[in-house]
Amino acid sequence: MKFSKHFSLYQSEATQFINGLKEANPHLEQGQRDGRALLWDKAPVDLDNQRRIAEARVKQQAYVYQNKN
């Protein structure tokens, strides 16, 4: 849906604020990418290694403070 030229130049206050923030802090986007990589982007999981870890796990008894008499 194509709007007229009048509406194609419109920018909301939020868009203007974000654009101004990016102009004032050019390193902002790179910092966001670094933060995302630190918290969300994880290395691929090795399924063979994950299987070996699961097989090596020692099962814990239901009540850990109870002695086996």
PDB file of N, CA and C in Angstrom:
ATOM      1  N   MET A   1       0.847  -1.171   0.000  1.00  0.00           N
ATOM      2  CA  MET A   1       0.000   0.000   0.000  1.00  0.00           C
ATOM      3  C   MET A   1       0.892   1.233   0.000  1.00  0.00           C
ATOM      4  N   LYS A   2       0.748   2.036  -0.994  1.00  0.00           N
ATOM      5  CA  LYS A   2       1.589   3.214  -1.177  1.00  0.00           C
ATOM      6  C   LYS A   2       0.849   4.448  -0.686  1.00  0.00           C
ATOM      7  N   PHE A   3       1.497   5.223   0.187  1.00  0.00           N
ATOM      8  CA  PHE A   3       0.923   6.473   0.650  1.00  0.00           C
ATOM      9  C   PHE A   3       1.443   7.619  -0.207  1.00  0.00           C
ATOM     10  N   SER A   4       0.858   8.748  -0.039  1.00  0.00           N
ATOM     11  CA  SER A   4       1.309   9.913  -0.798  1.00  0.00           C
ATOM     12  C   SER A   4       2.670  10.381  -0.298  1.00  0.00           C
ATOM     13  N   LYS A   5       3.293  11.313  -1.013  1.00  0.00           N
ATOM     14  CA  LYS A   5       4.606  11.831  -0.641  1.00  0.00           C
ATOM     15  C   LYS A   5       4.557  12.500   0.730  1.00  0.00           C
ATOM     16  N   HIS A   6       3.420  13.053   1.075  1.00  0.00           N
ATOM     17  CA  HIS A   6       3.279  13.742   2.358  1.00  0.00           C
ATOM     18  C   HIS A   6       3.546  12.783   3.521  1.00  0.00           C
ATOM     19  N   PHE A   7       3.046  11.560   3.418  1.00  0.00           N
ATOM     20  CA  PHE A   7       3.200  10.599   4.506  1.00  0.00           C
ATOM     21  C   PHE A   7       4.525   9.849   4.449  1.00  0.00           C
ATOM     22  N   SER A   8       5.183   9.820   3.305  1.00  0.00           N
ATOM     23  CA  SER A   8       6.438   9.073   3.209  1.00  0.00           C
ATOM     24  C   SER A   8       7.567   9.776   3.956  1.00  0.00           C
ATOM     25  N   LEU A   9       7.442  11.069   4.225  1.00  0.00           N
ATOM     26  CA  LEU A   9       8.466  11.807   4.940  1.00  0.00           C
ATOM     27  C   LEU A   9       8.219  11.843   6.444  1.00  0.00           C
ATOM     28  N   TYR A  10       7.102  11.297   6.879  1.00  0.00           N
ATOM     29  CA  TYR A  10       6.732  11.337   8.296  1.00  0.00           C
ATOM     30  C   TYR A  10       7.628  10.411   9.116  1.00  0.00           C
ATOM     31  N   GLN A  11       8.076  10.889  10.272  1.00  0.00           N
ATOM     32  CA  GLN A  11       8.789  10.074  11.255  1.00  0.00           C
ATOM     33  C   GLN A  11       8.169  10.342  12.620  1.00  0.00           C
ATOM     34  N   SER A  12       7.883   9.279  13.335  1.00  0.00           N
ATOM     35  CA  SER A  12       7.295   9.438  14.656  1.00  0.00           C
ATOM     36  C   SER A  12       8.320  10.019  15.625  1.00  0.00           C
ATOM     37  N   GLU A  13       7.844  10.449  16.771  1.00  0.00           N
ATOM     38  CA  GLU A  13       8.740  11.003  17.785  1.00  0.00           C
ATOM     39  C   GLU A  13       9.724   9.941  18.278  1.00  0.00           C
ATOM     40  N   ALA A  14       9.259   8.703  18.379  1.00  0.00           N
ATOM     41  CA  ALA A  14      10.135   7.619  18.834  1.00  0.00           C
ATOM     42  C   ALA A  14      11.258   7.386  17.820  1.00  0.00           C
ATOM     43  N   THR A  15      10.927   7.397  16.538  1.00  0.00           N
ATOM     44  CA  THR A  15      11.940   7.206  15.497  1.00  0.00           C
ATOM     45  C   THR A  15      12.935   8.356  15.501  1.00  0.00           C
ATOM     46  N   GLN A  16      12.445   9.562  15.677  1.00  0.00           N
ATOM     47  CA  GLN A  16      13.331  10.719  15.733  1.00  0.00           C
ATOM     48  C   GLN A  16      14.258  10.636  16.938  1.00  0.00           C
ATOM     49  N   PHE A  17      13.729  10.198  18.065  1.00  0.00           N
ATOM     50  CA  PHE A  17      14.543  10.054  19.271  1.00  0.00           C
ATOM     51  C   PHE A  17      15.651   9.024  19.063  1.00  0.00           C
ATOM     52  N   ILE A  18      15.298   7.868  18.504  1.00  0.00           N
ATOM     53  CA  ILE A  18      16.282   6.803  18.292  1.00  0.00           C
ATOM     54  C   ILE A  18      17.344   7.247  17.290  1.00  0.00           C
ATOM     55  N   ASN A  19      16.933   7.911  16.217  1.00  0.00           N
ATOM     56  CA  ASN A  19      17.907   8.399  15.243  1.00  0.00           C
ATOM     57  C   ASN A  19      18.837   9.428  15.866  1.00  0.00           C
ATOM     58  N   GLY A  20      18.308  10.318  16.687  1.00  0.00           N
ATOM     59  CA  GLY A  20      19.145  11.296  17.376  1.00  0.00           C
ATOM     60  C   GLY A  20      20.109  10.642  18.344  1.00  0.00           C
ATOM     61  N   LEU A  21      19.641   9.607  19.040  1.00  0.00           N
ATOM     62  CA  LEU A  21      20.490   8.870  19.975  1.00  0.00           C
ATOM     63  C   LEU A  21      21.634   8.179  19.246  1.00  0.00           C
ATOM     64  N   LYS A  22      21.335   7.589  18.088  1.00  0.00           N
ATOM     65  CA  LYS A  22      22.368   6.920  17.299  1.00  0.00           C
ATOM     66  C   LYS A  22      23.379   7.920  16.749  1.00  0.00           C
ATOM     67  N   GLU A  23      22.920   9.105  16.394  1.00  0.00           N
ATOM     68  CA  GLU A  23      23.847  10.128  15.902  1.00  0.00           C
ATOM     69  C   GLU A  23      24.748  10.638  17.031  1.00  0.00           C
ATOM     70  N   ALA A  24      24.191  10.774  18.219  1.00  0.00           N
ATOM     71  CA  ALA A  24      24.973  11.265  19.356  1.00  0.00           C
ATOM     72  C   ALA A  24      25.961  10.216  19.860  1.00  0.00           C
ATOM     73  N   ASN A  25      25.594   8.937  19.761  1.00  0.00           N
ATOM     74  CA  ASN A  25      26.447   7.835  20.228  1.00  0.00           C
ATOM     75  C   ASN A  25      26.653   6.840  19.089  1.00  0.00           C
ATOM     76  N   PRO A  26      27.627   7.056  18.222  1.00  0.00           N
ATOM     77  CA  PRO A  26      27.818   6.161  17.080  1.00  0.00           C
ATOM     78  C   PRO A  26      28.202   4.735  17.472  1.00  0.00           C
ATOM     79  N   HIS A  27      28.747   4.549  18.660  1.00  0.00           N
ATOM     80  CA  HIS A  27      29.161   3.213  19.110  1.00  0.00           C
ATOM     81  C   HIS A  27      28.011   2.430  19.737  1.00  0.00           C
ATOM     82  N   LEU A  28      26.846   2.994  19.797  1.00  0.00           N
ATOM     83  CA  LEU A  28      25.705   2.376  20.483  1.00  0.00           C
ATOM     84  C   LEU A  28      25.301   1.043  19.848  1.00  0.00           C
ATOM     85  N   GLU A  29      25.193   0.989  18.539  1.00  0.00           N
ATOM     86  CA  GLU A  29      24.753  -0.246  17.873  1.00  0.00           C
ATOM     87  C   GLU A  29      25.765  -1.372  18.068  1.00  0.00           C
ATOM     88  N   GLN A  30      27.065  -1.046  17.998  1.00  0.00           N
ATOM     89  CA  GLN A  30      28.080  -2.080  18.219  1.00  0.00           C
ATOM     90  C   GLN A  30      28.018  -2.600  19.651  1.00  0.00           C
ATOM     91  N   GLY A  31      27.745  -1.729  20.600  1.00  0.00           N
ATOM     92  CA  GLY A  31      27.585  -2.164  21.983  1.00  0.00           C
ATOM     93  C   GLY A  31      26.390  -3.081  22.155  1.00  0.00           C
ATOM     94  N   GLN A  32      25.312  -2.809  21.429  1.00  0.00           N
ATOM     95  CA  GLN A  32      24.140  -3.675  21.479  1.00  0.00           C
ATOM     96  C   GLN A  32      24.469  -5.048  20.895  1.00  0.00           C
ATOM     97  N   ARG A  33      25.200  -5.068  19.794  1.00  0.00           N
ATOM     98  CA  ARG A  33      25.588  -6.347  19.184  1.00  0.00           C
ATOM     99  C   ARG A  33      26.492  -7.152  20.125  1.00  0.00           C
ATOM    100  N   ASP A  34      27.426  -6.461  20.774  1.00  0.00           N
ATOM    101  CA  ASP A  34      28.319  -7.137  21.718  1.00  0.00           C
ATOM    102  C   ASP A  34      27.539  -7.715  22.897  1.00  0.00           C
ATOM    103  N   GLY A  35      26.572  -6.968  23.410  1.00  0.00           N
ATOM    104  CA  GLY A  35      25.748  -7.451  24.511  1.00  0.00           C
ATOM    105  C   GLY A  35      24.911  -8.643  24.125  1.00  0.00           C
ATOM    106  N   ARG A  36      24.366  -8.620  22.914  1.00  0.00           N
ATOM    107  CA  ARG A  36      23.582  -9.753  22.438  1.00  0.00           C
ATOM    108  C   ARG A  36      24.469 -10.984  22.304  1.00  0.00           C
ATOM    109  N   ALA A  37      25.659 -10.813  21.750  1.00  0.00           N
ATOM    110  CA  ALA A  37      26.573 -11.946  21.590  1.00  0.00           C
ATOM    111  C   ALA A  37      26.959 -12.519  22.938  1.00  0.00           C
ATOM    112  N   LEU A  38      27.127 -11.664  23.919  1.00  0.00           N
ATOM    113  CA  LEU A  38      27.518 -12.121  25.251  1.00  0.00           C
ATOM    114  C   LEU A  38      26.412 -12.918  25.929  1.00  0.00           C
ATOM    115  N   LEU A  39      25.165 -12.456  25.798  1.00  0.00           N
ATOM    116  CA  LEU A  39      24.068 -13.066  26.547  1.00  0.00           C
ATOM    117  C   LEU A  39      23.267 -14.111  25.771  1.00  0.00           C
ATOM    118  N   TRP A  40      23.138 -13.978  24.467  1.00  0.00           N
ATOM    119  CA  TRP A  40      22.201 -14.820  23.730  1.00  0.00           C
ATOM    120  C   TRP A  40      22.849 -15.743  22.712  1.00  0.00           C
ATOM    121  N   ASP A  41      23.843 -15.283  21.994  1.00  0.00           N
ATOM    122  CA  ASP A  41      24.433 -16.098  20.941  1.00  0.00           C
ATOM    123  C   ASP A  41      25.383 -17.110  21.565  1.00  0.00           C
ATOM    124  N   LYS A  42      25.040 -18.370  21.456  1.00  0.00           N
ATOM    125  CA  LYS A  42      25.831 -19.436  22.070  1.00  0.00           C
ATOM    126  C   LYS A  42      26.508 -20.274  20.991  1.00  0.00           C
ATOM    127  N   ALA A  43      27.572 -20.940  21.379  1.00  0.00           N
ATOM    128  CA  ALA A  43      28.280 -21.840  20.465  1.00  0.00           C
ATOM    129  C   ALA A  43      27.406 -23.063  20.185  1.00  0.00           C
ATOM    130  N   PRO A  44      27.582 -23.698  19.033  1.00  0.00           N
ATOM    131  CA  PRO A  44      26.798 -24.907  18.725  1.00  0.00           C
ATOM    132  C   PRO A  44      27.077 -26.017  19.746  1.00  0.00           C
ATOM    133  N   VAL A  45      26.064 -26.836  19.981  1.00  0.00           N
ATOM    134  CA  VAL A  45      26.158 -27.910  20.970  1.00  0.00           C
ATOM    135  C   VAL A  45      26.684 -29.170  20.282  1.00  0.00           C
ATOM    136  N   ASP A  46      27.697 -29.786  20.875  1.00  0.00           N
ATOM    137  CA  ASP A  46      28.223 -31.052  20.384  1.00  0.00           C
ATOM    138  C   ASP A  46      27.374 -32.169  20.983  1.00  0.00           C
ATOM    139  N   LEU A  47      26.586 -32.845  20.149  1.00  0.00           N
ATOM    140  CA  LEU A  47      25.643 -33.843  20.652  1.00  0.00           C
ATOM    141  C   LEU A  47      26.357 -35.056  21.241  1.00  0.00           C
ATOM    142  N   ASP A  48      27.482 -35.449  20.665  1.00  0.00           N
ATOM    143  CA  ASP A  48      28.224 -36.595  21.196  1.00  0.00           C
ATOM    144  C   ASP A  48      28.756 -36.279  22.593  1.00  0.00           C
ATOM    145  N   ASN A  49      29.302 -35.094  22.753  1.00  0.00           N
ATOM    146  CA  ASN A  49      29.819 -34.680  24.066  1.00  0.00           C
ATOM    147  C   ASN A  49      28.683 -34.577  25.081  1.00  0.00           C
ATOM    148  N   GLN A  50      27.547 -34.060  24.672  1.00  0.00           N
ATOM    149  CA  GLN A  50      26.393 -33.941  25.568  1.00  0.00           C
ATOM    150  C   GLN A  50      25.900 -35.331  25.991  1.00  0.00           C
ATOM    151  N   ARG A  51      25.902 -36.298  25.079  1.00  0.00           N
ATOM    152  CA  ARG A  51      25.478 -37.666  25.399  1.00  0.00           C
ATOM    153  C   ARG A  51      26.437 -38.301  26.396  1.00  0.00           C
ATOM    154  N   ARG A  52      27.756 -38.118  26.211  1.00  0.00           N
ATOM    155  CA  ARG A  52      28.734 -38.692  27.120  1.00  0.00           C
ATOM    156  C   ARG A  52      28.606 -38.094  28.521  1.00  0.00           C
ATOM    157  N   ILE A  53      28.328 -36.802  28.615  1.00  0.00           N
ATOM    158  CA  ILE A  53      28.144 -36.170  29.920  1.00  0.00           C
ATOM    159  C   ILE A  53      26.910 -36.735  30.623  1.00  0.00           C
ATOM    160  N   ALA A  54      25.832 -36.938  29.866  1.00  0.00           N
ATOM    161  CA  ALA A  54      24.600 -37.486  30.452  1.00  0.00           C
ATOM    162  C   ALA A  54      24.819 -38.917  30.936  1.00  0.00           C
ATOM    163  N   GLU A  55      25.580 -39.705  30.188  1.00  0.00           N
ATOM    164  CA  GLU A  55      25.836 -41.088  30.595  1.00  0.00           C
ATOM    165  C   GLU A  55      26.754 -41.163  31.811  1.00  0.00           C
ATOM    166  N   ALA A  56      27.641 -40.204  31.974  1.00  0.00           N
ATOM    167  CA  ALA A  56      28.598 -40.220  33.087  1.00  0.00           C
ATOM    168  C   ALA A  56      28.010 -39.668  34.378  1.00  0.00           C
ATOM    169  N   ARG A  57      26.857 -39.050  34.301  1.00  0.00           N
ATOM    170  CA  ARG A  57      26.243 -38.447  35.485  1.00  0.00           C
ATOM    171  C   ARG A  57      25.832 -39.538  36.484  1.00  0.00           C
ATOM    172  N   VAL A  58      26.154 -39.328  37.754  1.00  0.00           N
ATOM    173  CA  VAL A  58      25.795 -40.265  38.816  1.00  0.00           C
ATOM    174  C   VAL A  58      24.421 -39.876  39.341  1.00  0.00           C
ATOM    175  N   LYS A  59      23.521 -40.852  39.410  1.00  0.00           N
ATOM    176  CA  LYS A  59      22.179 -40.566  39.872  1.00  0.00           C
ATOM    177  C   LYS A  59      22.183 -40.304  41.379  1.00  0.00           C
ATOM    178  N   GLN A  60      21.488 -39.251  41.766  1.00  0.00           N
ATOM    179  CA  GLN A  60      21.413 -38.875  43.171  1.00  0.00           C
ATOM    180  C   GLN A  60      20.185 -39.546  43.790  1.00  0.00           C
ATOM    181  N   GLN A  61      20.334 -39.990  45.048  1.00  0.00           N
ATOM    182  CA  GLN A  61      19.189 -40.607  45.717  1.00  0.00           C
ATOM    183  C   GLN A  61      18.123 -39.555  46.018  1.00  0.00           C
ATOM    184  N   ALA A  62      16.895 -40.002  46.240  1.00  0.00           N
ATOM    185  CA  ALA A  62      15.760 -39.099  46.393  1.00  0.00           C
ATOM    186  C   ALA A  62      15.926 -38.153  47.576  1.00  0.00           C
ATOM    187  N   TYR A  63      16.340 -38.665  48.713  1.00  0.00           N
ATOM    188  CA  TYR A  63      16.538 -37.833  49.896  1.00  0.00           C
ATOM    189  C   TYR A  63      18.004 -37.935  50.263  1.00  0.00           C
ATOM    190  N   VAL A  64      18.762 -36.891  49.989  1.00  0.00           N
ATOM    191  CA  VAL A  64      20.221 -36.976  50.077  1.00  0.00           C
ATOM    192  C   VAL A  64      20.742 -37.148  51.500  1.00  0.00           C
ATOM    193  N   TYR A  65      19.976 -36.795  52.512  1.00  0.00           N
ATOM    194  CA  TYR A  65      20.456 -36.884  53.888  1.00  0.00           C
ATOM    195  C   TYR A  65      20.120 -38.219  54.552  1.00  0.00           C
ATOM    196  N   GLN A  66      19.424 -39.094  53.858  1.00  0.00           N
ATOM    197  CA  GLN A  66      19.056 -40.388  54.413  1.00  0.00           C
ATOM    198  C   GLN A  66      20.191 -41.383  54.191  1.00  0.00           C
ATOM    199  N   ASN A  67      20.545 -42.130  55.248  1.00  0.00           N
ATOM    200  CA  ASN A  67      21.586 -43.151  55.144  1.00  0.00           C
ATOM    201  C   ASN A  67      21.000 -44.414  54.580  1.00  0.00           C
ATOM    202  N   LYS A  68      21.815 -45.155  53.854  1.00  0.00           N
ATOM    203  CA  LYS A  68      21.387 -46.455  53.328  1.00  0.00           C
ATOM    204  C   LYS A  68      21.779 -47.528  54.324  1.00  0.00           C
ATOM    205  N   ASN A  69      20.833 -47.969  55.161  1.00  0.00           N
ATOM    206  CA  ASN A  69      21.111 -48.998  56.166  1.00  0.00           C
ATOM    207  C   ASN A  69      20.728 -50.347  55.683  1.00  0.00           C
TER     208      ASN A  69
END
